[in-house]
PDB file of N, CA and C in Angstrom:
ATOM      1  N   MET A   1     360.587 102.594 177.988  1.00  0.00           N
ATOM      2  CA  MET A   1     359.793 102.117 176.894  1.00  0.00           C
ATOM      3  C   MET A   1     358.984 100.914 177.373  1.00  0.00           C
ATOM      4  N   THR A   2     357.707 100.898 177.066  1.00  0.00           N
ATOM      5  CA  THR A   2     356.847  99.781 177.425  1.00  0.00           C
ATOM      6  C   THR A   2     356.301  99.142 176.166  1.00  0.00           C
ATOM      7  N   LEU A   3     356.507  97.853 176.056  1.00  0.00           N
ATOM      8  CA  LEU A   3     355.950  97.092 174.944  1.00  0.00           C
ATOM      9  C   LEU A   3     354.908  96.155 175.519  1.00  0.00           C
ATOM     10  N   LEU A   4     353.716  96.183 174.979  1.00  0.00           N
ATOM     11  CA  LEU A   4     352.653  95.335 175.481  1.00  0.00           C
ATOM     12  C   LEU A   4     352.206  94.399 174.374  1.00  0.00           C
ATOM     13  N   PHE A   5     352.340  93.120 174.621  1.00  0.00           N
ATOM     14  CA  PHE A   5     351.919  92.116 173.655  1.00  0.00           C
ATOM     15  C   PHE A   5     350.886  91.217 174.321  1.00  0.00           C
ATOM     16  N   SER A   6     349.935  90.751 173.553  1.00  0.00           N
ATOM     17  CA  SER A   6     348.979  89.794 174.112  1.00  0.00           C
ATOM     18  C   SER A   6     349.498  88.371 173.965  1.00  0.00           C
ATOM     19  N   SER A   7     350.548  88.198 173.218  1.00  0.00           N
ATOM     20  CA  SER A   7     351.184  86.891 173.049  1.00  0.00           C
ATOM     21  C   SER A   7     352.683  87.061 173.184  1.00  0.00           C
ATOM     22  N   LEU A   8     353.375  85.970 173.351  1.00  0.00           N
ATOM     23  CA  LEU A   8     354.825  86.003 173.462  1.00  0.00           C
ATOM     24  C   LEU A   8     355.421  85.827 172.072  1.00  0.00           C
ATOM     25  N   TYR A   9     356.160  86.813 171.615  1.00  0.00           N
ATOM     26  CA  TYR A   9     356.787  86.751 170.299  1.00  0.00           C
ATOM     27  C   TYR A   9     358.257  86.411 170.454  1.00  0.00           C
ATOM     28  N   LEU A  10     358.775  85.643 169.534  1.00  0.00           N
ATOM     29  CA  LEU A  10     360.177  85.258 169.584  1.00  0.00           C
ATOM     30  C   LEU A  10     360.996  86.186 168.707  1.00  0.00           C
ATOM     31  N   LEU A  11     362.033  86.751 169.276  1.00  0.00           N
ATOM     32  CA  LEU A  11     362.946  87.602 168.527  1.00  0.00           C
ATOM     33  C   LEU A  11     364.287  86.887 168.440  1.00  0.00           C
ATOM     34  N   ASP A  12     364.824  86.784 167.250  1.00  0.00           N
ATOM     35  CA  ASP A  12     366.087  86.076 167.044  1.00  0.00           C
ATOM     36  C   ASP A  12     367.241  87.002 167.404  1.00  0.00           C
ATOM     37  N   SER A  13     367.794  86.830 168.599  1.00  0.00           N
ATOM     38  CA  SER A  13     368.887  87.696 169.051  1.00  0.00           C
ATOM     39  C   SER A  13     370.236  86.986 168.988  1.00  0.00           C
ATOM     40  N   HIS A  14     370.269  85.750 168.521  1.00  0.00           N
ATOM     41  CA  HIS A  14     371.511  84.975 168.498  1.00  0.00           C
ATOM     42  C   HIS A  14     372.296  85.129 167.197  1.00  0.00           C
ATOM     43  N   SER A  15     371.744  85.815 166.258  1.00  0.00           N
ATOM     44  CA  SER A  15     372.468  85.969 164.990  1.00  0.00           C
ATOM     45  C   SER A  15     373.639  86.935 165.175  1.00  0.00           C
ATOM     46  N   SER A  16     374.576  86.910 164.253  1.00  0.00           N
ATOM     47  CA  SER A  16     375.754  87.783 164.347  1.00  0.00           C
ATOM     48  C   SER A  16     375.424  89.221 163.948  1.00  0.00           C
ATOM     49  N   SER A  17     374.242  89.425 163.442  1.00  0.00           N
ATOM     50  CA  SER A  17     373.810  90.761 163.028  1.00  0.00           C
ATOM     51  C   SER A  17     373.624  91.660 164.249  1.00  0.00           C
ATOM     52  N   SER A  18     373.724  92.954 164.056  1.00  0.00           N
ATOM     53  CA  SER A  18     373.500  93.900 165.152  1.00  0.00           C
ATOM     54  C   SER A  18     372.019  94.246 165.275  1.00  0.00           C
ATOM     55  N   ASP A  19     371.206  93.597 164.471  1.00  0.00           N
ATOM     56  CA  ASP A  19     369.763  93.834 164.492  1.00  0.00           C
ATOM     57  C   ASP A  19     369.008  92.588 164.967  1.00  0.00           C
ATOM     58  N   ILE A  20     367.810  92.829 165.449  1.00  0.00           N
ATOM     59  CA  ILE A  20     366.896  91.756 165.834  1.00  0.00           C
ATOM     60  C   ILE A  20     365.749  91.779 164.841  1.00  0.00           C
ATOM     61  N   LYS A  21     365.385  90.591 164.352  1.00  0.00           N
ATOM     62  CA  LYS A  21     364.301  90.499 163.373  1.00  0.00           C
ATOM     63  C   LYS A  21     363.128  89.755 164.006  1.00  0.00           C
ATOM     64  N   CYS A  22     361.956  90.355 163.923  1.00  0.00           N
ATOM     65  CA  CYS A  22     360.745  89.741 164.457  1.00  0.00           C
ATOM     66  C   CYS A  22     360.342  88.576 163.550  1.00  0.00           C
ATOM     67  N   THR A  23     360.096  87.408 164.151  1.00  0.00           N
ATOM     68  CA  THR A  23     359.714  86.232 163.362  1.00  0.00           C
ATOM     69  C   THR A  23     358.256  86.279 162.924  1.00  0.00           C
ATOM     70  N   ILE A  24     357.481  87.203 163.465  1.00  0.00           N
ATOM     71  CA  ILE A  24     356.070  87.327 163.098  1.00  0.00           C
ATOM     72  C   ILE A  24     355.868  88.310 161.946  1.00  0.00           C
ATOM     73  N   CYS A  25     356.415  89.522 162.098  1.00  0.00           N
ATOM     74  CA  CYS A  25     356.157  90.566 161.099  1.00  0.00           C
ATOM     75  C   CYS A  25     357.381  90.937 160.270  1.00  0.00           C
ATOM     76  N   SER A  26     358.528  90.338 160.567  1.00  0.00           N
ATOM     77  CA  SER A  26     359.797  90.582 159.857  1.00  0.00           C
ATOM     78  C   SER A  26     360.365  91.978 160.065  1.00  0.00           C
ATOM     79  N   ALA A  27     359.855  92.707 161.029  1.00  0.00           N
ATOM     80  CA  ALA A  27     360.414  94.032 161.324  1.00  0.00           C
ATOM     81  C   ALA A  27     361.800  93.863 161.937  1.00  0.00           C
ATOM     82  N   THR A  28     362.705  94.828 161.682  1.00  0.00           N
ATOM     83  CA  THR A  28     364.074  94.760 162.209  1.00  0.00           C
ATOM     84  C   THR A  28     364.331  95.958 163.112  1.00  0.00           C
ATOM     85  N   TYR A  29     364.993  95.675 164.255  1.00  0.00           N
ATOM     86  CA  TYR A  29     365.321  96.713 165.222  1.00  0.00           C
ATOM     87  C   TYR A  29     366.748  96.482 165.706  1.00  0.00           C
ATOM     88  N   PRO A  30     367.442  97.549 166.124  1.00  0.00           N
ATOM     89  CA  PRO A  30     368.805  97.369 166.640  1.00  0.00           C
ATOM     90  C   PRO A  30     368.773  96.639 167.990  1.00  0.00           C
ATOM     91  N   LYS A  31     369.711  95.708 168.187  1.00  0.00           N
ATOM     92  CA  LYS A  31     369.782  94.946 169.443  1.00  0.00           C
ATOM     93  C   LYS A  31     369.972  95.864 170.644  1.00  0.00           C
ATOM     94  N   SER A  32     370.713  96.933 170.462  1.00  0.00           N
ATOM     95  CA  SER A  32     371.001  97.853 171.564  1.00  0.00           C
ATOM     96  C   SER A  32     369.726  98.462 172.147  1.00  0.00           C
ATOM     97  N   LYS A  33     368.673  98.555 171.350  1.00  0.00           N
ATOM     98  CA  LYS A  33     367.406  99.118 171.800  1.00  0.00           C
ATOM     99  C   LYS A  33     366.775  98.252 172.903  1.00  0.00           C
ATOM    100  N   TYR A  34     367.099  96.958 172.911  1.00  0.00           N
ATOM    101  CA  TYR A  34     366.493  96.020 173.859  1.00  0.00           C
ATOM    102  C   TYR A  34     367.496  95.445 174.855  1.00  0.00           C
ATOM    103  N   ALA A  35     368.660  96.029 174.969  1.00  0.00           N
ATOM    104  CA  ALA A  35     369.714  95.496 175.840  1.00  0.00           C
ATOM    105  C   ALA A  35     369.273  95.400 177.300  1.00  0.00           C
ATOM    106  N   ASN A  36     368.568  96.392 177.806  1.00  0.00           N
ATOM    107  CA  ASN A  36     368.151  96.407 179.214  1.00  0.00           C
ATOM    108  C   ASN A  36     366.638  96.258 179.370  1.00  0.00           C
ATOM    109  N   LEU A  37     366.024  95.614 178.428  1.00  0.00           N
ATOM    110  CA  LEU A  37     364.572  95.446 178.443  1.00  0.00           C
ATOM    111  C   LEU A  37     364.160  94.439 179.516  1.00  0.00           C
ATOM    112  N   LYS A  38     363.213  94.836 180.340  1.00  0.00           N
ATOM    113  CA  LYS A  38     362.682  93.938 181.364  1.00  0.00           C
ATOM    114  C   LYS A  38     361.456  93.243 180.781  1.00  0.00           C
ATOM    115  N   VAL A  39     361.461  91.922 180.802  1.00  0.00           N
ATOM    116  CA  VAL A  39     360.355  91.145 180.251  1.00  0.00           C
ATOM    117  C   VAL A  39     359.510  90.606 181.395  1.00  0.00           C
ATOM    118  N   VAL A  40     358.218  90.888 181.348  1.00  0.00           N
ATOM    119  CA  VAL A  40     357.281  90.398 182.351  1.00  0.00           C
ATOM    120  C   VAL A  40     356.204  89.611 181.619  1.00  0.00           C
ATOM    121  N   THR A  41     356.004  88.376 182.031  1.00  0.00           N
ATOM    122  CA  THR A  41     354.956  87.565 181.414  1.00  0.00           C
ATOM    123  C   THR A  41     353.912  87.216 182.458  1.00  0.00           C
ATOM    124  N   LYS A  42     352.701  87.046 182.011  1.00  0.00           N
ATOM    125  CA  LYS A  42     351.605  86.664 182.893  1.00  0.00           C
ATOM    126  C   LYS A  42     350.884  85.491 182.253  1.00  0.00           C
ATOM    127  N   SER A  43     350.426  84.583 183.097  1.00  0.00           N
ATOM    128  CA  SER A  43     349.645  83.453 182.597  1.00  0.00           C
ATOM    129  C   SER A  43     348.609  83.077 183.644  1.00  0.00           C
ATOM    130  N   SER A  44     347.584  82.399 183.214  1.00  0.00           N
ATOM    131  CA  SER A  44     346.548  81.973 184.154  1.00  0.00           C
ATOM    132  C   SER A  44     347.044  80.768 184.950  1.00  0.00           C
ATOM    133  N   ASP A  45     346.407  80.507 186.084  1.00  0.00           N
ATOM    134  CA  ASP A  45     346.816  79.402 186.957  1.00  0.00           C
ATOM    135  C   ASP A  45     346.743  78.049 186.265  1.00  0.00           C
ATOM    136  N   ASP A  46     345.779  77.900 185.362  1.00  0.00           N
ATOM    137  CA  ASP A  46     345.623  76.601 184.711  1.00  0.00           C
ATOM    138  C   ASP A  46     346.446  76.459 183.433  1.00  0.00           C
ATOM    139  N   ALA A  47     347.267  77.451 183.105  1.00  0.00           N
ATOM    140  CA  ALA A  47     348.091  77.369 181.900  1.00  0.00           C
ATOM    141  C   ALA A  47     349.155  76.286 182.023  1.00  0.00           C
ATOM    142  N   PHE A  48     349.682  76.086 183.216  1.00  0.00           N
ATOM    143  CA  PHE A  48     350.714  75.078 183.460  1.00  0.00           C
ATOM    144  C   PHE A  48     350.287  74.227 184.655  1.00  0.00           C
ATOM    145  N   PRO A  49     349.381  73.273 184.452  1.00  0.00           N
ATOM    146  CA  PRO A  49     348.893  72.488 185.585  1.00  0.00           C
ATOM    147  C   PRO A  49     349.989  71.609 186.183  1.00  0.00           C
ATOM    148  N   SER A  50     350.044  71.584 187.500  1.00  0.00           N
ATOM    149  CA  SER A  50     351.056  70.763 188.169  1.00  0.00           C
ATOM    150  C   SER A  50     350.556  69.329 188.301  1.00  0.00           C
ATOM    151  N   LYS A  51     351.490  68.400 188.380  1.00  0.00           N
ATOM    152  CA  LYS A  51     351.128  66.991 188.553  1.00  0.00           C
ATOM    153  C   LYS A  51     350.431  66.785 189.894  1.00  0.00           C
ATOM    154  N   LEU A  52     350.867  67.528 190.917  1.00  0.00           N
ATOM    155  CA  LEU A  52     350.265  67.393 192.238  1.00  0.00           C
ATOM    156  C   LEU A  52     348.806  67.838 192.227  1.00  0.00           C
ATOM    157  N   LYS A  53     348.518  69.000 191.607  1.00  0.00           N
ATOM    158  CA  LYS A  53     347.139  69.473 191.537  1.00  0.00           C
ATOM    159  C   LYS A  53     346.267  68.487 190.784  1.00  0.00           C
ATOM    160  N   SER A  54     346.795  67.946 189.693  1.00  0.00           N
ATOM    161  CA  SER A  54     346.032  66.979 188.909  1.00  0.00           C
ATOM    162  C   SER A  54     345.729  65.737 189.733  1.00  0.00           C
ATOM    163  N   ALA A  55     346.707  65.260 190.480  1.00  0.00           N
ATOM    164  CA  ALA A  55     346.510  64.068 191.306  1.00  0.00           C
ATOM    165  C   ALA A  55     345.538  64.348 192.443  1.00  0.00           C
ATOM    166  N   ARG A  56     345.629  65.516 193.047  1.00  0.00           N
ATOM    167  CA  ARG A  56     344.749  65.852 194.171  1.00  0.00           C
ATOM    168  C   ARG A  56     343.301  65.972 193.738  1.00  0.00           C
ATOM    169  N   SER A  57     343.062  66.400 192.480  1.00  0.00           N
ATOM    170  CA  SER A  57     341.689  66.541 192.024  1.00  0.00           C
ATOM    171  C   SER A  57     341.019  65.182 191.851  1.00  0.00           C
ATOM    172  N   VAL A  58     341.809  64.117 191.726  1.00  0.00           N
ATOM    173  CA  VAL A  58     341.271  62.770 191.566  1.00  0.00           C
ATOM    174  C   VAL A  58     340.955  62.141 192.919  1.00  0.00           C
ATOM    175  N   VAL A  59     341.697  62.531 193.958  1.00  0.00           N
ATOM    176  CA  VAL A  59     341.540  61.951 195.290  1.00  0.00           C
ATOM    177  C   VAL A  59     340.361  62.602 196.003  1.00  0.00           C
ATOM    178  N   LYS A  60     339.477  61.790 196.539  1.00  0.00           N
ATOM    179  CA  LYS A  60     338.319  62.292 197.267  1.00  0.00           C
ATOM    180  C   LYS A  60     338.726  62.520 198.719  1.00  0.00           C
ATOM    181  N   THR A  61     338.459  63.706 199.251  1.00  0.00           N
ATOM    182  CA  THR A  61     338.901  64.019 200.614  1.00  0.00           C
ATOM    183  C   THR A  61     337.751  64.303 201.577  1.00  0.00           C
ATOM    184  N   SER A  62     336.521  64.061 201.158  1.00  0.00           N
ATOM    185  CA  SER A  62     335.406  64.258 202.076  1.00  0.00           C
ATOM    186  C   SER A  62     334.261  63.326 201.702  1.00  0.00           C
ATOM    187  N   LEU A  63     333.364  63.117 202.653  1.00  0.00           N
ATOM    188  CA  LEU A  63     332.197  62.273 202.435  1.00  0.00           C
ATOM    189  C   LEU A  63     330.934  63.077 202.697  1.00  0.00           C
ATOM    190  N   SER A  64     329.889  62.792 201.935  1.00  0.00           N
ATOM    191  CA  SER A  64     328.604  63.443 202.175  1.00  0.00           C
ATOM    192  C   SER A  64     327.918  62.752 203.359  1.00  0.00           C
ATOM    193  N   LYS A  65     326.875  63.368 203.889  1.00  0.00           N
ATOM    194  CA  LYS A  65     326.143  62.781 205.019  1.00  0.00           C
ATOM    195  C   LYS A  65     325.564  61.426 204.638  1.00  0.00           C
ATOM    196  N   ASP A  66     325.050  61.289 203.417  1.00  0.00           N
ATOM    197  CA  ASP A  66     324.503  60.002 202.965  1.00  0.00           C
ATOM    198  C   ASP A  66     325.576  58.920 202.953  1.00  0.00           C
ATOM    199  N   GLU A  67     326.777  59.275 202.500  1.00  0.00           N
ATOM    200  CA  GLU A  67     327.870  58.305 202.464  1.00  0.00           C
ATOM    201  C   GLU A  67     328.293  57.904 203.876  1.00  0.00           C
ATOM    202  N   LEU A  68     328.235  58.848 204.815  1.00  0.00           N
ATOM    203  CA  LEU A  68     328.576  58.531 206.204  1.00  0.00           C
ATOM    204  C   LEU A  68     327.559  57.571 206.817  1.00  0.00           C
ATOM    205  N   ASP A  69     326.290  57.700 206.436  1.00  0.00           N
ATOM    206  CA  ASP A  69     325.236  56.854 206.989  1.00  0.00           C
ATOM    207  C   ASP A  69     325.259  55.442 206.418  1.00  0.00           C
ATOM    208  N   GLU A  70     325.893  55.217 205.280  1.00  0.00           N
ATOM    209  CA  GLU A  70     325.871  53.914 204.616  1.00  0.00           C
ATOM    210  C   GLU A  70     327.256  53.283 204.545  1.00  0.00           C
ATOM    211  N   GLY A  71     327.972  53.247 205.653  1.00  0.00           N
ATOM    212  CA  GLY A  71     329.311  52.670 205.654  1.00  0.00           C
ATOM    213  C   GLY A  71     329.288  51.151 205.705  1.00  0.00           C
ATOM    214  N   ALA A  72     330.422  50.558 205.410  1.00  0.00           N
ATOM    215  CA  ALA A  72     330.572  49.113 205.551  1.00  0.00           C
ATOM    216  C   ALA A  72     330.589  48.781 207.038  1.00  0.00           C
ATOM    217  N   THR A  73     330.171  47.576 207.377  1.00  0.00           N
ATOM    218  CA  THR A  73     330.104  47.168 208.779  1.00  0.00           C
ATOM    219  C   THR A  73     331.252  46.224 209.100  1.00  0.00           C
ATOM    220  N   ILE A  74     331.823  46.412 210.288  1.00  0.00           N
ATOM    221  CA  ILE A  74     332.944  45.582 210.738  1.00  0.00           C
ATOM    222  C   ILE A  74     332.688  45.159 212.184  1.00  0.00           C
ATOM    223  N   LYS A  75     333.197  43.998 212.550  1.00  0.00           N
ATOM    224  CA  LYS A  75     333.074  43.532 213.947  1.00  0.00           C
ATOM    225  C   LYS A  75     334.155  44.224 214.768  1.00  0.00           C
ATOM    226  N   GLU A  76     333.819  45.377 215.263  1.00  0.00           N
ATOM    227  CA  GLU A  76     334.716  46.215 216.077  1.00  0.00           C
ATOM    228  C   GLU A  76     333.872  46.733 217.238  1.00  0.00           C
ATOM    229  N   LYS A  77     334.345  46.579 218.457  1.00  0.00           N
ATOM    230  CA  LYS A  77     333.578  46.986 219.636  1.00  0.00           C
ATOM    231  C   LYS A  77     333.627  48.500 219.805  1.00  0.00           C
ATOM    232  N   CYS A  78     332.457  49.093 220.033  1.00  0.00           N
ATOM    233  CA  CYS A  78     332.374  50.542 220.265  1.00  0.00           C
ATOM    234  C   CYS A  78     332.968  50.857 221.638  1.00  0.00           C
ATOM    235  N   PRO A  79     333.947  51.771 221.704  1.00  0.00           N
ATOM    236  CA  PRO A  79     334.556  52.112 222.993  1.00  0.00           C
ATOM    237  C   PRO A  79     333.594  52.810 223.955  1.00  0.00           C
ATOM    238  N   LYS A  80     332.499  53.385 223.441  1.00  0.00           N
ATOM    239  CA  LYS A  80     331.581  54.137 224.300  1.00  0.00           C
ATOM    240  C   LYS A  80     330.455  53.262 224.863  1.00  0.00           C
ATOM    241  N   CYS A  81     329.741  52.521 223.972  1.00  0.00           N
ATOM    242  CA  CYS A  81     328.571  51.768 224.444  1.00  0.00           C
ATOM    243  C   CYS A  81     328.771  50.254 224.428  1.00  0.00           C
ATOM    244  N   GLY A  82     329.876  49.779 223.840  1.00  0.00           N
ATOM    245  CA  GLY A  82     330.150  48.347 223.824  1.00  0.00           C
ATOM    246  C   GLY A  82     329.467  47.586 222.699  1.00  0.00           C
ATOM    247  N   ASN A  83     328.770  48.278 221.798  1.00  0.00           N
ATOM    248  CA  ASN A  83     328.139  47.614 220.648  1.00  0.00           C
ATOM    249  C   ASN A  83     329.205  46.830 219.880  1.00  0.00           C
ATOM    250  N   GLU A  84     328.859  45.637 219.406  1.00  0.00           N
ATOM    251  CA  GLU A  84     329.836  44.740 218.782  1.00  0.00           C
ATOM    252  C   GLU A  84     330.179  45.093 217.334  1.00  0.00           C
ATOM    253  N   GLU A  85     329.404  45.954 216.683  1.00  0.00           N
ATOM    254  CA  GLU A  85     329.670  46.297 215.280  1.00  0.00           C
ATOM    255  C   GLU A  85     329.797  47.807 215.108  1.00  0.00           C
ATOM    256  N   MET A  86     330.655  48.189 214.175  1.00  0.00           N
ATOM    257  CA  MET A  86     330.859  49.603 213.826  1.00  0.00           C
ATOM    258  C   MET A  86     330.768  49.732 212.305  1.00  0.00           C
ATOM    259  N   GLN A  87     330.357  50.898 211.849  1.00  0.00           N
ATOM    260  CA  GLN A  87     330.427  51.204 210.422  1.00  0.00           C
ATOM    261  C   GLN A  87     331.726  51.957 210.200  1.00  0.00           C
ATOM    262  N   TYR A  88     332.317  51.787 209.006  1.00  0.00           N
ATOM    263  CA  TYR A  88     333.579  52.478 208.755  1.00  0.00           C
ATOM    264  C   TYR A  88     333.679  52.963 207.311  1.00  0.00           C
ATOM    265  N   HIS A  89     334.518  53.970 207.124  1.00  0.00           N
ATOM    266  CA  HIS A  89     334.864  54.536 205.813  1.00  0.00           C
ATOM    267  C   HIS A  89     336.358  54.800 205.826  1.00  0.00           C
ATOM    268  N   THR A  90     336.973  54.750 204.667  1.00  0.00           N
ATOM    269  CA  THR A  90     338.392  55.117 204.570  1.00  0.00           C
ATOM    270  C   THR A  90     338.545  56.256 203.579  1.00  0.00           C
ATOM    271  N   LEU A  91     339.456  57.160 203.888  1.00  0.00           N
ATOM    272  CA  LEU A  91     339.805  58.266 202.996  1.00  0.00           C
ATOM    273  C   LEU A  91     341.312  58.449 203.017  1.00  0.00           C
ATOM    274  N   GLN A  92     341.870  58.809 201.878  1.00  0.00           N
ATOM    275  CA  GLN A  92     343.308  59.090 201.776  1.00  0.00           C
ATOM    276  C   GLN A  92     343.501  60.578 202.029  1.00  0.00           C
ATOM    277  N   LEU A  93     343.707  60.950 203.286  1.00  0.00           N
ATOM    278  CA  LEU A  93     343.840  62.360 203.654  1.00  0.00           C
ATOM    279  C   LEU A  93     345.286  62.822 203.680  1.00  0.00           C
ATOM    280  N   ARG A  94     346.209  61.885 203.873  1.00  0.00           N
ATOM    281  CA  ARG A  94     347.625  62.234 203.941  1.00  0.00           C
ATOM    282  C   ARG A  94     348.277  61.917 202.605  1.00  0.00           C
ATOM    283  N   SER A  95     349.568  62.053 202.515  1.00  0.00           N
ATOM    284  CA  SER A  95     350.255  61.814 201.244  1.00  0.00           C
ATOM    285  C   SER A  95     350.096  60.355 200.819  1.00  0.00           C
ATOM    286  N   ALA A  96     350.302  60.100 199.541  1.00  0.00           N
ATOM    287  CA  ALA A  96     350.046  58.782 198.964  1.00  0.00           C
ATOM    288  C   ALA A  96     350.931  57.691 199.551  1.00  0.00           C
ATOM    289  N   ASP A  97     352.100  58.049 200.079  1.00  0.00           N
ATOM    290  CA  ASP A  97     352.983  57.022 200.632  1.00  0.00           C
ATOM    291  C   ASP A  97     352.635  56.674 202.085  1.00  0.00           C
ATOM    292  N   GLU A  98     351.606  57.294 202.637  1.00  0.00           N
ATOM    293  CA  GLU A  98     351.141  56.976 203.983  1.00  0.00           C
ATOM    294  C   GLU A  98     349.788  56.278 203.882  1.00  0.00           C
ATOM    295  N   GLY A  99     349.410  55.584 204.934  1.00  0.00           N
ATOM    296  CA  GLY A  99     348.155  54.841 204.924  1.00  0.00           C
ATOM    297  C   GLY A  99     346.929  55.739 204.930  1.00  0.00           C
ATOM    298  N   ALA A 100     345.783  55.116 204.655  1.00  0.00           N
ATOM    299  CA  ALA A 100     344.516  55.842 204.646  1.00  0.00           C
ATOM    300  C   ALA A 100     344.041  56.078 206.078  1.00  0.00           C
ATOM    301  N   THR A 101     343.156  57.050 206.250  1.00  0.00           N
ATOM    302  CA  THR A 101     342.527  57.309 207.538  1.00  0.00           C
ATOM    303  C   THR A 101     341.213  56.536 207.568  1.00  0.00           C
ATOM    304  N   VAL A 102     340.972  55.786 208.654  1.00  0.00           N
ATOM    305  CA  VAL A 102     339.744  55.001 208.792  1.00  0.00           C
ATOM    306  C   VAL A 102     338.836  55.712 209.793  1.00  0.00           C
ATOM    307  N   PHE A 103     337.601  55.995 209.371  1.00  0.00           N
ATOM    308  CA  PHE A 103     336.611  56.656 210.215  1.00  0.00           C
ATOM    309  C   PHE A 103     335.586  55.615 210.663  1.00  0.00           C
ATOM    310  N   TYR A 104     335.367  55.506 211.976  1.00  0.00           N
ATOM    311  CA  TYR A 104     334.413  54.554 212.534  1.00  0.00           C
ATOM    312  C   TYR A 104     333.220  55.313 213.108  1.00  0.00           C
ATOM    313  N   THR A 105     332.017  54.742 212.935  1.00  0.00           N
ATOM    314  CA  THR A 105     330.798  55.302 213.514  1.00  0.00           C
ATOM    315  C   THR A 105     329.997  54.161 214.122  1.00  0.00           C
ATOM    316  N   CYS A 106     329.563  54.338 215.349  1.00  0.00           N
ATOM    317  CA  CYS A 106     328.735  53.328 216.003  1.00  0.00           C
ATOM    318  C   CYS A 106     327.281  53.540 215.581  1.00  0.00           C
ATOM    319  N   PRO A 107     326.640  52.520 214.991  1.00  0.00           N
ATOM    320  CA  PRO A 107     325.245  52.681 214.582  1.00  0.00           C
ATOM    321  C   PRO A 107     324.286  52.707 215.782  1.00  0.00           C
ATOM    322  N   ASN A 108     324.767  52.278 216.940  1.00  0.00           N
ATOM    323  CA  ASN A 108     323.932  52.224 218.141  1.00  0.00           C
ATOM    324  C   ASN A 108     323.874  53.578 218.850  1.00  0.00           C
ATOM    325  N   CYS A 109     325.043  54.151 219.153  1.00  0.00           N
ATOM    326  CA  CYS A 109     325.074  55.398 219.938  1.00  0.00           C
ATOM    327  C   CYS A 109     325.567  56.611 219.141  1.00  0.00           C
ATOM    328  N   GLY A 110     326.089  56.388 217.924  1.00  0.00           N
ATOM    329  CA  GLY A 110     326.558  57.494 217.092  1.00  0.00           C
ATOM    330  C   GLY A 110     327.975  57.951 217.396  1.00  0.00           C
ATOM    331  N   TYR A 111     328.661  57.265 218.321  1.00  0.00           N
ATOM    332  CA  TYR A 111     330.041  57.628 218.665  1.00  0.00           C
ATOM    333  C   TYR A 111     330.937  57.496 217.430  1.00  0.00           C
ATOM    334  N   ARG A 112     331.845  58.467 217.252  1.00  0.00           N
ATOM    335  CA  ARG A 112     332.747  58.458 216.097  1.00  0.00           C
ATOM    336  C   ARG A 112     334.190  58.603 216.544  1.00  0.00           C
ATOM    337  N   PHE A 113     335.069  57.906 215.841  1.00  0.00           N
ATOM    338  CA  PHE A 113     336.503  58.091 216.041  1.00  0.00           C
ATOM    339  C   PHE A 113     337.217  57.692 214.761  1.00  0.00           C
ATOM    340  N   ARG A 114     338.504  58.000 214.708  1.00  0.00           N
ATOM    341  CA  ARG A 114     339.276  57.674 213.512  1.00  0.00           C
ATOM    342  C   ARG A 114     340.648  57.150 213.895  1.00  0.00           C
ATOM    343  N   THR A 115     341.230  56.378 212.976  1.00  0.00           N
ATOM    344  CA  THR A 115     342.591  55.881 213.152  1.00  0.00           C
ATOM    345  C   THR A 115     343.358  56.096 211.858  1.00  0.00           C
ATOM    346  N   ASN A 116     344.649  56.291 211.983  1.00  0.00           N
ATOM    347  CA  ASN A 116     345.515  56.428 210.810  1.00  0.00           C
ATOM    348  C   ASN A 116     346.262  55.122 210.611  1.00  0.00           C
ATOM    349  N   ASN A 117     346.108  54.524 209.458  1.00  0.00           N
ATOM    350  CA  ASN A 117     346.817  53.266 209.159  1.00  0.00           C
ATOM    351  C   ASN A 117     348.210  53.542 208.668  1.00  0.00           C
TER     352      ASN A 117
END
C-alpha cells in the first residue's frame, strides 16, 4: 500500500483504542493496517538550515581583482625584488578558531605570497 501526502499528517497512535484517528479529517482506521508501514519524508535543502551553512554564508572567502589592487600597505620587504612596502589583505579561510590567512602583493614587481596566522 502506498500513501502519498504533500504534507506530514499526525495520526494519534498512542491511545488505548485499536483504531487510529486522523487529526485533520477525523477518519478512523485500524492500527493493524499501519503496523509495518514504511514512512519516507522528503524536504528541500533549505527547510532545515544548519548553523554552519548560515555562518559560512556570512564569511567572505574570496576577493575581486579590484579589491586585490587596493590593499592596505605595510612596511614589509618583498622577498623577490627587495621593495620596502607590500600590500596585504586578510581572509578567514580556515575554521573560526584558527587565524586568518594574510595575502601579500608587491606593488613593484607583482610578487605574491601568503602566510597563515
